[in-house]
Amino acid sequence: DIPVIFMTGLSDAKQIVSGFGAGGVDYITKPFQVEEVLARINTHLA
């Protein structure tokens, strides 16, 4: 039941689809902004 957000240095669409297929709820592309990380974390915690 624990939500998983993937962190990746790639923005390949197939990789993103694979992440959702594996059970992830979201993804963050590296390098990332702290504000983006916080926003996605707060959204999925809510």
ModelCIF file with pLDDT and N, C-alpha, C, O atoms, coordinates in Angstrom:
data_MODEL
#
_entry.id   MODEL 
#
_entity.id                         1 
_entity.type                       polymer 
_entity.pdbx_number_of_molecules   1 
#
_entity_poly.entity_id                      1 
_entity_poly.type                           'polypeptide(L)' 
_entity_poly.nstd_linkage                   no 
_entity_poly.nstd_monomer                   no 
_entity_poly.pdbx_seq_one_letter_code       DIPVIFMTGLSDAKQIVSGFGAGGVDYITKPFQVEEVLARINTHLA 
_entity_poly.pdbx_seq_one_letter_code_can   DIPVIFMTGLSDAKQIVSGFGAGGVDYITKPFQVEEVLARINTHLA 
_entity_poly.pdbx_strand_id                 A 
#
loop_
_entity_poly_seq.entity_id 
_entity_poly_seq.num 
_entity_poly_seq.mon_id 
_entity_poly_seq.hetero 
1 1  ASP n 
1 2  ILE n 
1 3  PRO n 
1 4  VAL n 
1 5  ILE n 
1 6  PHE n 
1 7  MET n 
1 8  THR n 
1 9  GLY n 
1 10 LEU n 
1 11 SER n 
1 12 ASP n 
1 13 ALA n 
1 14 LYS n 
1 15 GLN n 
1 16 ILE n 
1 17 VAL n 
1 18 SER n 
1 19 GLY n 
1 20 PHE n 
1 21 GLY n 
1 22 ALA n 
1 23 GLY n 
1 24 GLY n 
1 25 VAL n 
1 26 ASP n 
1 27 TYR n 
1 28 ILE n 
1 29 THR n 
1 30 LYS n 
1 31 PRO n 
1 32 PHE n 
1 33 GLN n 
1 34 VAL n 
1 35 GLU n 
1 36 GLU n 
1 37 VAL n 
1 38 LEU n 
1 39 ALA n 
1 40 ARG n 
1 41 ILE n 
1 42 ASN n 
1 43 THR n 
1 44 HIS n 
1 45 LEU n 
1 46 ALA n 
#
_struct_asym.id          A 
_struct_asym.entity_id   1 
#
loop_
_ma_qa_metric.id 
_ma_qa_metric.mode 
_ma_qa_metric.name 
_ma_qa_metric.software_group_id 
_ma_qa_metric.type 
1 global pLDDT . pLDDT 
2 local  pLDDT . pLDDT 
#
_ma_qa_metric_global.metric_id      1 
_ma_qa_metric_global.metric_value   81.72 
_ma_qa_metric_global.model_id       1 
_ma_qa_metric_global.ordinal_id     1 
#
loop_
_ma_qa_metric_local.label_asym_id 
_ma_qa_metric_local.label_comp_id 
_ma_qa_metric_local.label_seq_id 
_ma_qa_metric_local.metric_id 
_ma_qa_metric_local.metric_value 
_ma_qa_metric_local.model_id 
_ma_qa_metric_local.ordinal_id 
A ASP 1  2 88.00 1 1  
A ILE 2  2 90.00 1 2  
A PRO 3  2 91.00 1 3  
A VAL 4  2 91.00 1 4  
A ILE 5  2 89.00 1 5  
A PHE 6  2 88.00 1 6  
A MET 7  2 85.00 1 7  
A THR 8  2 81.00 1 8  
A GLY 9  2 75.00 1 9  
A LEU 10 2 65.00 1 10 
A SER 11 2 63.00 1 11 
A ASP 12 2 63.00 1 12 
A ALA 13 2 61.00 1 13 
A LYS 14 2 71.00 1 14 
A GLN 15 2 70.00 1 15 
A ILE 16 2 71.00 1 16 
A VAL 17 2 76.00 1 17 
A SER 18 2 78.00 1 18 
A GLY 19 2 77.00 1 19 
A PHE 20 2 81.00 1 20 
A GLY 21 2 83.00 1 21 
A ALA 22 2 85.00 1 22 
A GLY 23 2 85.00 1 23 
A GLY 24 2 85.00 1 24 
A VAL 25 2 84.00 1 25 
A ASP 26 2 84.00 1 26 
A TYR 27 2 82.00 1 27 
A ILE 28 2 84.00 1 28 
A THR 29 2 81.00 1 29 
A LYS 30 2 81.00 1 30 
A PRO 31 2 80.00 1 31 
A PHE 32 2 78.00 1 32 
A GLN 33 2 82.00 1 33 
A VAL 34 2 83.00 1 34 
A GLU 35 2 86.00 1 35 
A GLU 36 2 85.00 1 36 
A VAL 37 2 86.00 1 37 
A LEU 38 2 89.00 1 38 
A ALA 39 2 88.00 1 39 
A ARG 40 2 87.00 1 40 
A ILE 41 2 88.00 1 41 
A ASN 42 2 88.00 1 42 
A THR 43 2 88.00 1 43 
A HIS 44 2 88.00 1 44 
A LEU 45 2 88.00 1 45 
A ALA 46 2 87.00 1 46 
#
loop_
_atom_site.group_PDB 
_atom_site.id 
_atom_site.type_symbol 
_atom_site.label_atom_id 
_atom_site.label_alt_id 
_atom_site.label_comp_id 
_atom_site.label_asym_id 
_atom_site.label_entity_id 
_atom_site.label_seq_id 
_atom_site.pdbx_PDB_ins_code 
_atom_site.Cartn_x 
_atom_site.Cartn_y 
_atom_site.Cartn_z 
_atom_site.occupancy 
_atom_site.B_iso_or_equiv 
_atom_site.pdbx_formal_charge 
_atom_site.auth_seq_id 
_atom_site.auth_comp_id 
_atom_site.auth_asym_id 
_atom_site.auth_atom_id 
_atom_site.pdbx_PDB_model_num 
ATOM 1   N N  . ASP A 1 1  ? 0.805  -1.227 0.000   1.00 88.00 ? 1  ASP A N  1 
ATOM 2   C CA . ASP A 1 1  ? 0.000  0.000  0.000   1.00 88.00 ? 1  ASP A CA 1 
ATOM 3   C C  . ASP A 1 1  ? 0.841  1.281  0.000   1.00 88.00 ? 1  ASP A C  1 
ATOM 4   O O  . ASP A 1 1  ? 0.289  2.375  -0.121  1.00 88.00 ? 1  ASP A O  1 
ATOM 5   N N  . ILE A 1 2  ? 2.170  1.162  0.134   1.00 90.00 ? 2  ILE A N  1 
ATOM 6   C CA . ILE A 1 2  ? 3.016  2.357  0.218   1.00 90.00 ? 2  ILE A CA 1 
ATOM 7   C C  . ILE A 1 2  ? 3.228  2.932  -1.180  1.00 90.00 ? 2  ILE A C  1 
ATOM 8   O O  . ILE A 1 2  ? 3.724  2.221  -2.054  1.00 90.00 ? 2  ILE A O  1 
ATOM 9   N N  . PRO A 1 3  ? 2.870  4.193  -1.424  1.00 91.00 ? 3  PRO A N  1 
ATOM 10  C CA . PRO A 1 3  ? 3.067  4.777  -2.762  1.00 91.00 ? 3  PRO A CA 1 
ATOM 11  C C  . PRO A 1 3  ? 4.554  4.930  -3.092  1.00 91.00 ? 3  PRO A C  1 
ATOM 12  O O  . PRO A 1 3  ? 5.366  5.279  -2.235  1.00 91.00 ? 3  PRO A O  1 
ATOM 13  N N  . VAL A 1 4  ? 4.888  4.659  -4.364  1.00 91.00 ? 4  VAL A N  1 
ATOM 14  C CA . VAL A 1 4  ? 6.277  4.733  -4.841  1.00 91.00 ? 4  VAL A CA 1 
ATOM 15  C C  . VAL A 1 4  ? 6.373  5.774  -5.956  1.00 91.00 ? 4  VAL A C  1 
ATOM 16  O O  . VAL A 1 4  ? 5.651  5.714  -6.951  1.00 91.00 ? 4  VAL A O  1 
ATOM 17  N N  . ILE A 1 5  ? 7.285  6.729  -5.761  1.00 89.00 ? 5  ILE A N  1 
ATOM 18  C CA . ILE A 1 5  ? 7.580  7.715  -6.796  1.00 89.00 ? 5  ILE A CA 1 
ATOM 19  C C  . ILE A 1 5  ? 8.970  7.392  -7.352  1.00 89.00 ? 5  ILE A C  1 
ATOM 20  O O  . ILE A 1 5  ? 9.950  7.351  -6.608  1.00 89.00 ? 5  ILE A O  1 
ATOM 21  N N  . PHE A 1 6  ? 9.044  7.165  -8.659  1.00 88.00 ? 6  PHE A N  1 
ATOM 22  C CA . PHE A 1 6  ? 10.334 6.846  -9.276  1.00 88.00 ? 6  PHE A CA 1 
ATOM 23  C C  . PHE A 1 6  ? 11.147 8.115  -9.505  1.00 88.00 ? 6  PHE A C  1 
ATOM 24  O O  . PHE A 1 6  ? 10.605 9.180  -9.801  1.00 88.00 ? 6  PHE A O  1 
ATOM 25  N N  . MET A 1 7  ? 12.454 7.972  -9.362  1.00 85.00 ? 7  MET A N  1 
ATOM 26  C CA . MET A 1 7  ? 13.398 9.051  -9.707  1.00 85.00 ? 7  MET A CA 1 
ATOM 27  C C  . MET A 1 7  ? 14.249 8.541  -10.867 1.00 85.00 ? 7  MET A C  1 
ATOM 28  O O  . MET A 1 7  ? 14.839 7.464  -10.780 1.00 85.00 ? 7  MET A O  1 
ATOM 29  N N  . THR A 1 8  ? 14.313 9.310  -11.949 1.00 81.00 ? 8  THR A N  1 
ATOM 30  C CA . THR A 1 8  ? 15.028 8.864  -13.126 1.00 81.00 ? 8  THR A CA 1 
ATOM 31  C C  . THR A 1 8  ? 15.736 10.022 -13.804 1.00 81.00 ? 8  THR A C  1 
ATOM 32  O O  . THR A 1 8  ? 15.268 11.161 -13.786 1.00 81.00 ? 8  THR A O  1 
ATOM 33  N N  . GLY A 1 9  ? 16.882 9.702  -14.406 1.00 75.00 ? 9  GLY A N  1 
ATOM 34  C CA . GLY A 1 9  ? 17.605 10.713 -15.177 1.00 75.00 ? 9  GLY A CA 1 
ATOM 35  C C  . GLY A 1 9  ? 17.155 10.742 -16.608 1.00 75.00 ? 9  GLY A C  1 
ATOM 36  O O  . GLY A 1 9  ? 17.647 11.553 -17.392 1.00 75.00 ? 9  GLY A O  1 
ATOM 37  N N  . LEU A 1 10 ? 16.214 9.861  -16.980 1.00 65.00 ? 10 LEU A N  1 
ATOM 38  C CA . LEU A 1 10 ? 15.710 9.787  -18.355 1.00 65.00 ? 10 LEU A CA 1 
ATOM 39  C C  . LEU A 1 10 ? 14.252 10.213 -18.387 1.00 65.00 ? 10 LEU A C  1 
ATOM 40  O O  . LEU A 1 10 ? 13.543 10.111 -17.386 1.00 65.00 ? 10 LEU A O  1 
ATOM 41  N N  . SER A 1 11 ? 13.820 10.682 -19.521 1.00 63.00 ? 11 SER A N  1 
ATOM 42  C CA . SER A 1 11 ? 12.410 11.049 -19.693 1.00 63.00 ? 11 SER A CA 1 
ATOM 43  C C  . SER A 1 11 ? 11.781 10.245 -20.816 1.00 63.00 ? 11 SER A C  1 
ATOM 44  O O  . SER A 1 11 ? 10.840 10.693 -21.472 1.00 63.00 ? 11 SER A O  1 
ATOM 45  N N  . ASP A 1 12 ? 12.321 9.041  -21.029 1.00 63.00 ? 12 ASP A N  1 
ATOM 46  C CA . ASP A 1 12 ? 11.808 8.167  -22.081 1.00 63.00 ? 12 ASP A CA 1 
ATOM 47  C C  . ASP A 1 12 ? 10.384 7.711  -21.741 1.00 63.00 ? 12 ASP A C  1 
ATOM 48  O O  . ASP A 1 12 ? 10.120 7.256  -20.628 1.00 63.00 ? 12 ASP A O  1 
ATOM 49  N N  . ALA A 1 13 ? 9.469  7.839  -22.712 1.00 61.00 ? 13 ALA A N  1 
ATOM 50  C CA . ALA A 1 13 ? 8.061  7.514  -22.469 1.00 61.00 ? 13 ALA A CA 1 
ATOM 51  C C  . ALA A 1 13 ? 7.882  6.043  -22.122 1.00 61.00 ? 13 ALA A C  1 
ATOM 52  O O  . ALA A 1 13 ? 7.068  5.709  -21.261 1.00 61.00 ? 13 ALA A O  1 
ATOM 53  N N  . LYS A 1 14 ? 8.637  5.147  -22.788 1.00 71.00 ? 14 LYS A N  1 
ATOM 54  C CA . LYS A 1 14 ? 8.501  3.721  -22.499 1.00 71.00 ? 14 LYS A CA 1 
ATOM 55  C C  . LYS A 1 14 ? 8.909  3.412  -21.066 1.00 71.00 ? 14 LYS A C  1 
ATOM 56  O O  . LYS A 1 14 ? 8.292  2.587  -20.393 1.00 71.00 ? 14 LYS A O  1 
ATOM 57  N N  . GLN A 1 15 ? 9.974  4.098  -20.607 1.00 70.00 ? 15 GLN A N  1 
ATOM 58  C CA . GLN A 1 15 ? 10.427 3.873  -19.236 1.00 70.00 ? 15 GLN A CA 1 
ATOM 59  C C  . GLN A 1 15 ? 9.387  4.357  -18.231 1.00 70.00 ? 15 GLN A C  1 
ATOM 60  O O  . GLN A 1 15 ? 9.168  3.725  -17.197 1.00 70.00 ? 15 GLN A O  1 
ATOM 61  N N  . ILE A 1 16 ? 8.751  5.478  -18.544 1.00 71.00 ? 16 ILE A N  1 
ATOM 62  C CA . ILE A 1 16 ? 7.714  6.009  -17.652 1.00 71.00 ? 16 ILE A CA 1 
ATOM 63  C C  . ILE A 1 16 ? 6.525  5.039  -17.575 1.00 71.00 ? 16 ILE A C  1 
ATOM 64  O O  . ILE A 1 16 ? 5.985  4.785  -16.498 1.00 71.00 ? 16 ILE A O  1 
ATOM 65  N N  . VAL A 1 17 ? 6.129  4.500  -18.747 1.00 76.00 ? 17 VAL A N  1 
ATOM 66  C CA . VAL A 1 17 ? 5.033  3.525  -18.776 1.00 76.00 ? 17 VAL A CA 1 
ATOM 67  C C  . VAL A 1 17 ? 5.406  2.275  -17.977 1.00 76.00 ? 17 VAL A C  1 
ATOM 68  O O  . VAL A 1 17 ? 4.577  1.724  -17.252 1.00 76.00 ? 17 VAL A O  1 
ATOM 69  N N  . SER A 1 18 ? 6.661  1.831  -18.113 1.00 78.00 ? 18 SER A N  1 
ATOM 70  C CA . SER A 1 18 ? 7.127  0.671  -17.362 1.00 78.00 ? 18 SER A CA 1 
ATOM 71  C C  . SER A 1 18 ? 7.049  0.929  -15.867 1.00 78.00 ? 18 SER A C  1 
ATOM 72  O O  . SER A 1 18 ? 6.714  0.029  -15.097 1.00 78.00 ? 18 SER A O  1 
ATOM 73  N N  . GLY A 1 19 ? 7.356  2.153  -15.453 1.00 77.00 ? 19 GLY A N  1 
ATOM 74  C CA . GLY A 1 19 ? 7.285  2.503  -14.040 1.00 77.00 ? 19 GLY A CA 1 
ATOM 75  C C  . GLY A 1 19 ? 5.879  2.401  -13.491 1.00 77.00 ? 19 GLY A C  1 
ATOM 76  O O  . GLY A 1 19 ? 5.670  1.878  -12.396 1.00 77.00 ? 19 GLY A O  1 
ATOM 77  N N  . PHE A 1 20 ? 4.896  2.905  -14.259 1.00 81.00 ? 20 PHE A N  1 
ATOM 78  C CA . PHE A 1 20 ? 3.501  2.794  -13.826 1.00 81.00 ? 20 PHE A CA 1 
ATOM 79  C C  . PHE A 1 20 ? 3.060  1.328  -13.816 1.00 81.00 ? 20 PHE A C  1 
ATOM 80  O O  . PHE A 1 20 ? 2.304  0.902  -12.943 1.00 81.00 ? 20 PHE A O  1 
ATOM 81  N N  . GLY A 1 21 ? 3.541  0.570  -14.794 1.00 83.00 ? 21 GLY A N  1 
ATOM 82  C CA . GLY A 1 21 ? 3.197  -0.850 -14.844 1.00 83.00 ? 21 GLY A CA 1 
ATOM 83  C C  . GLY A 1 21 ? 3.753  -1.631 -13.670 1.00 83.00 ? 21 GLY A C  1 
ATOM 84  O O  . GLY A 1 21 ? 3.156  -2.613 -13.230 1.00 83.00 ? 21 GLY A O  1 
ATOM 85  N N  . ALA A 1 22 ? 4.903  -1.191 -13.160 1.00 85.00 ? 22 ALA A N  1 
ATOM 86  C CA . ALA A 1 22 ? 5.514  -1.868 -12.011 1.00 85.00 ? 22 ALA A CA 1 
ATOM 87  C C  . ALA A 1 22 ? 4.827  -1.523 -10.702 1.00 85.00 ? 22 ALA A C  1 
ATOM 88  O O  . ALA A 1 22 ? 5.071  -2.177 -9.688  1.00 85.00 ? 22 ALA A O  1 
ATOM 89  N N  . GLY A 1 23 ? 3.971  -0.504 -10.704 1.00 85.00 ? 23 GLY A N  1 
ATOM 90  C CA . GLY A 1 23 ? 3.240  -0.142 -9.493  1.00 85.00 ? 23 GLY A CA 1 
ATOM 91  C C  . GLY A 1 23 ? 3.534  1.238  -8.966  1.00 85.00 ? 23 GLY A C  1 
ATOM 92  O O  . GLY A 1 23 ? 3.029  1.609  -7.907  1.00 85.00 ? 23 GLY A O  1 
ATOM 93  N N  . GLY A 1 24 ? 4.352  2.028  -9.686  1.00 85.00 ? 24 GLY A N  1 
ATOM 94  C CA . GLY A 1 24 ? 4.627  3.389  -9.253  1.00 85.00 ? 24 GLY A CA 1 
ATOM 95  C C  . GLY A 1 24 ? 3.434  4.298  -9.443  1.00 85.00 ? 24 GLY A C  1 
ATOM 96  O O  . GLY A 1 24 ? 2.576  4.052  -10.291 1.00 85.00 ? 24 GLY A O  1 
ATOM 97  N N  . VAL A 1 25 ? 3.388  5.364  -8.636  1.00 84.00 ? 25 VAL A N  1 
ATOM 98  C CA . VAL A 1 25 ? 2.274  6.299  -8.743  1.00 84.00 ? 25 VAL A CA 1 
ATOM 99  C C  . VAL A 1 25 ? 2.677  7.601  -9.432  1.00 84.00 ? 25 VAL A C  1 
ATOM 100 O O  . VAL A 1 25 ? 1.821  8.385  -9.842  1.00 84.00 ? 25 VAL A O  1 
ATOM 101 N N  . ASP A 1 26 ? 4.004  7.829  -9.556  1.00 84.00 ? 26 ASP A N  1 
ATOM 102 C CA . ASP A 1 26 ? 4.470  9.080  -10.157 1.00 84.00 ? 26 ASP A CA 1 
ATOM 103 C C  . ASP A 1 26 ? 5.959  8.934  -10.456 1.00 84.00 ? 26 ASP A C  1 
ATOM 104 O O  . ASP A 1 26 ? 6.579  7.931  -10.103 1.00 84.00 ? 26 ASP A O  1 
ATOM 105 N N  . TYR A 1 27 ? 6.528  9.954  -11.116 1.00 82.00 ? 27 TYR A N  1 
ATOM 106 C CA . TYR A 1 27 ? 7.965  9.936  -11.380 1.00 82.00 ? 27 TYR A CA 1 
ATOM 107 C C  . TYR A 1 27 ? 8.506  11.357 -11.336 1.00 82.00 ? 27 TYR A C  1 
ATOM 108 O O  . TYR A 1 27 ? 7.780  12.322 -11.575 1.00 82.00 ? 27 TYR A O  1 
ATOM 109 N N  . ILE A 1 28 ? 9.807  11.470 -11.022 1.00 84.00 ? 28 ILE A N  1 
ATOM 110 C CA . ILE A 1 28 ? 10.497 12.751 -10.998 1.00 84.00 ? 28 ILE A CA 1 
ATOM 111 C C  . ILE A 1 28 ? 11.748 12.611 -11.866 1.00 84.00 ? 28 ILE A C  1 
ATOM 112 O O  . ILE A 1 28 ? 12.509 11.653 -11.730 1.00 84.00 ? 28 ILE A O  1 
ATOM 113 N N  . THR A 1 29 ? 11.943 13.566 -12.745 1.00 81.00 ? 29 THR A N  1 
ATOM 114 C CA . THR A 1 29 ? 13.107 13.515 -13.635 1.00 81.00 ? 29 THR A CA 1 
ATOM 115 C C  . THR A 1 29 ? 14.267 14.290 -13.025 1.00 81.00 ? 29 THR A C  1 
ATOM 116 O O  . THR A 1 29 ? 14.116 15.439 -12.608 1.00 81.00 ? 29 THR A O  1 
ATOM 117 N N  . LYS A 1 30 ? 15.439 13.633 -12.981 1.00 81.00 ? 30 LYS A N  1 
ATOM 118 C CA . LYS A 1 30 ? 16.654 14.281 -12.492 1.00 81.00 ? 30 LYS A CA 1 
ATOM 119 C C  . LYS A 1 30 ? 17.255 15.134 -13.611 1.00 81.00 ? 30 LYS A C  1 
ATOM 120 O O  . LYS A 1 30 ? 17.092 14.795 -14.783 1.00 81.00 ? 30 LYS A O  1 
ATOM 121 N N  . PRO A 1 31 ? 17.945 16.226 -13.284 1.00 80.00 ? 31 PRO A N  1 
ATOM 122 C CA . PRO A 1 31 ? 17.949 16.882 -11.959 1.00 80.00 ? 31 PRO A CA 1 
ATOM 123 C C  . PRO A 1 31 ? 16.608 17.548 -11.692 1.00 80.00 ? 31 PRO A C  1 
ATOM 124 O O  . PRO A 1 31 ? 15.950 18.013 -12.622 1.00 80.00 ? 31 PRO A O  1 
ATOM 125 N N  . PHE A 1 32 ? 16.204 17.598 -10.442 1.00 78.00 ? 32 PHE A N  1 
ATOM 126 C CA . PHE A 1 32 ? 14.877 18.109 -10.118 1.00 78.00 ? 32 PHE A CA 1 
ATOM 127 C C  . PHE A 1 32 ? 14.971 19.281 -9.160  1.00 78.00 ? 32 PHE A C  1 
ATOM 128 O O  . PHE A 1 32 ? 15.972 19.480 -8.471  1.00 78.00 ? 32 PHE A O  1 
ATOM 129 N N  . GLN A 1 33 ? 13.910 20.038 -9.143  1.00 82.00 ? 33 GLN A N  1 
ATOM 130 C CA . GLN A 1 33 ? 13.778 21.158 -8.213  1.00 82.00 ? 33 GLN A CA 1 
ATOM 131 C C  . GLN A 1 33 ? 13.163 20.662 -6.911  1.00 82.00 ? 33 GLN A C  1 
ATOM 132 O O  . GLN A 1 33 ? 12.265 19.820 -6.924  1.00 82.00 ? 33 GLN A O  1 
ATOM 133 N N  . VAL A 1 34 ? 13.640 21.180 -5.801  1.00 83.00 ? 34 VAL A N  1 
ATOM 134 C CA . VAL A 1 34 ? 13.126 20.761 -4.502  1.00 83.00 ? 34 VAL A CA 1 
ATOM 135 C C  . VAL A 1 34 ? 11.627 21.023 -4.410  1.00 83.00 ? 34 VAL A C  1 
ATOM 136 O O  . VAL A 1 34 ? 10.889 20.211 -3.851  1.00 83.00 ? 34 VAL A O  1 
ATOM 137 N N  . GLU A 1 35 ? 11.174 22.146 -4.952  1.00 86.00 ? 35 GLU A N  1 
ATOM 138 C CA . GLU A 1 35 ? 9.747  22.483 -4.895  1.00 86.00 ? 35 GLU A CA 1 
ATOM 139 C C  . GLU A 1 35 ? 8.905  21.425 -5.613  1.00 86.00 ? 35 GLU A C  1 
ATOM 140 O O  . GLU A 1 35 ? 7.810  21.085 -5.167  1.00 86.00 ? 35 GLU A O  1 
ATOM 141 N N  . GLU A 1 36 ? 9.428  20.912 -6.726  1.00 85.00 ? 36 GLU A N  1 
ATOM 142 C CA . GLU A 1 36 ? 8.695  19.874 -7.457  1.00 85.00 ? 36 GLU A CA 1 
ATOM 143 C C  . GLU A 1 36 ? 8.605  18.602 -6.628  1.00 85.00 ? 36 GLU A C  1 
ATOM 144 O O  . GLU A 1 36 ? 7.548  17.976 -6.545  1.00 85.00 ? 36 GLU A O  1 
ATOM 145 N N  . VAL A 1 37 ? 9.726  18.225 -6.015  1.00 86.00 ? 37 VAL A N  1 
ATOM 146 C CA . VAL A 1 37 ? 9.738  17.029 -5.171  1.00 86.00 ? 37 VAL A CA 1 
ATOM 147 C C  . VAL A 1 37 ? 8.732  17.169 -4.034  1.00 86.00 ? 37 VAL A C  1 
ATOM 148 O O  . VAL A 1 37 ? 7.954  16.253 -3.771  1.00 86.00 ? 37 VAL A O  1 
ATOM 149 N N  . LEU A 1 38 ? 8.750  18.313 -3.366  1.00 89.00 ? 38 LEU A N  1 
ATOM 150 C CA . LEU A 1 38 ? 7.829  18.541 -2.248  1.00 89.00 ? 38 LEU A CA 1 
ATOM 151 C C  . LEU A 1 38 ? 6.377  18.505 -2.706  1.00 89.00 ? 38 LEU A C  1 
ATOM 152 O O  . LEU A 1 38 ? 5.517  17.937 -2.032  1.00 89.00 ? 38 LEU A O  1 
ATOM 153 N N  . ALA A 1 39 ? 6.112  19.117 -3.859  1.00 88.00 ? 39 ALA A N  1 
ATOM 154 C CA . ALA A 1 39 ? 4.736  19.160 -4.365  1.00 88.00 ? 39 ALA A CA 1 
ATOM 155 C C  . ALA A 1 39 ? 4.221  17.750 -4.654  1.00 88.00 ? 39 ALA A C  1 
ATOM 156 O O  . ALA A 1 39 ? 3.084  17.420 -4.316  1.00 88.00 ? 39 ALA A O  1 
ATOM 157 N N  . ARG A 1 40 ? 5.064  16.917 -5.284  1.00 87.00 ? 40 ARG A N  1 
ATOM 158 C CA . ARG A 1 40 ? 4.618  15.564 -5.610  1.00 87.00 ? 40 ARG A CA 1 
ATOM 159 C C  . ARG A 1 40 ? 4.474  14.711 -4.349  1.00 87.00 ? 40 ARG A C  1 
ATOM 160 O O  . ARG A 1 40 ? 3.540  13.918 -4.236  1.00 87.00 ? 40 ARG A O  1 
ATOM 161 N N  . ILE A 1 41 ? 5.391  14.876 -3.414  1.00 88.00 ? 41 ILE A N  1 
ATOM 162 C CA . ILE A 1 41 ? 5.289  14.139 -2.152  1.00 88.00 ? 41 ILE A CA 1 
ATOM 163 C C  . ILE A 1 41 ? 4.010  14.506 -1.420  1.00 88.00 ? 41 ILE A C  1 
ATOM 164 O O  . ILE A 1 41 ? 3.273  13.621 -0.985  1.00 88.00 ? 41 ILE A O  1 
ATOM 165 N N  . ASN A 1 42 ? 3.735  15.790 -1.277  1.00 88.00 ? 42 ASN A N  1 
ATOM 166 C CA . ASN A 1 42 ? 2.538  16.229 -0.554  1.00 88.00 ? 42 ASN A CA 1 
ATOM 167 C C  . ASN A 1 42 ? 1.257  15.762 -1.240  1.00 88.00 ? 42 ASN A C  1 
ATOM 168 O O  . ASN A 1 42 ? 0.282  15.398 -0.583  1.00 88.00 ? 42 ASN A O  1 
ATOM 169 N N  . THR A 1 43 ? 1.276  15.779 -2.589  1.00 88.00 ? 43 THR A N  1 
ATOM 170 C CA . THR A 1 43 ? 0.089  15.326 -3.329  1.00 88.00 ? 43 THR A CA 1 
ATOM 171 C C  . THR A 1 43 ? -0.215 13.867 -3.026  1.00 88.00 ? 43 THR A C  1 
ATOM 172 O O  . THR A 1 43 ? -1.363 13.517 -2.752  1.00 88.00 ? 43 THR A O  1 
ATOM 173 N N  . HIS A 1 44 ? 0.802  13.013 -3.072  1.00 88.00 ? 44 HIS A N  1 
ATOM 174 C CA . HIS A 1 44 ? 0.555  11.580 -2.889  1.00 88.00 ? 44 HIS A CA 1 
ATOM 175 C C  . HIS A 1 44 ? 0.355  11.211 -1.423  1.00 88.00 ? 44 HIS A C  1 
ATOM 176 O O  . HIS A 1 44 ? -0.314 10.222 -1.123  1.00 88.00 ? 44 HIS A O  1 
ATOM 177 N N  . LEU A 1 45 ? 0.920  11.984 -0.517  1.00 88.00 ? 45 LEU A N  1 
ATOM 178 C CA . LEU A 1 45 ? 0.600  11.771 0.891   1.00 88.00 ? 45 LEU A CA 1 
ATOM 179 C C  . LEU A 1 45 ? -0.864 12.103 1.173   1.00 88.00 ? 45 LEU A C  1 
ATOM 180 O O  . LEU A 1 45 ? -1.544 11.406 1.926   1.00 88.00 ? 45 LEU A O  1 
ATOM 181 N N  . ALA A 1 46 ? -1.331 13.188 0.547   1.00 87.00 ? 46 ALA A N  1 
ATOM 182 C CA . ALA A 1 46 ? -2.744 13.563 0.720   1.00 87.00 ? 46 ALA A CA 1 
ATOM 183 C C  . ALA A 1 46 ? -3.658 12.508 0.113   1.00 87.00 ? 46 ALA A C  1 
ATOM 184 O O  . ALA A 1 46 ? -4.880 12.648 0.160   1.00 87.00 ? 46 ALA A O  1 
#
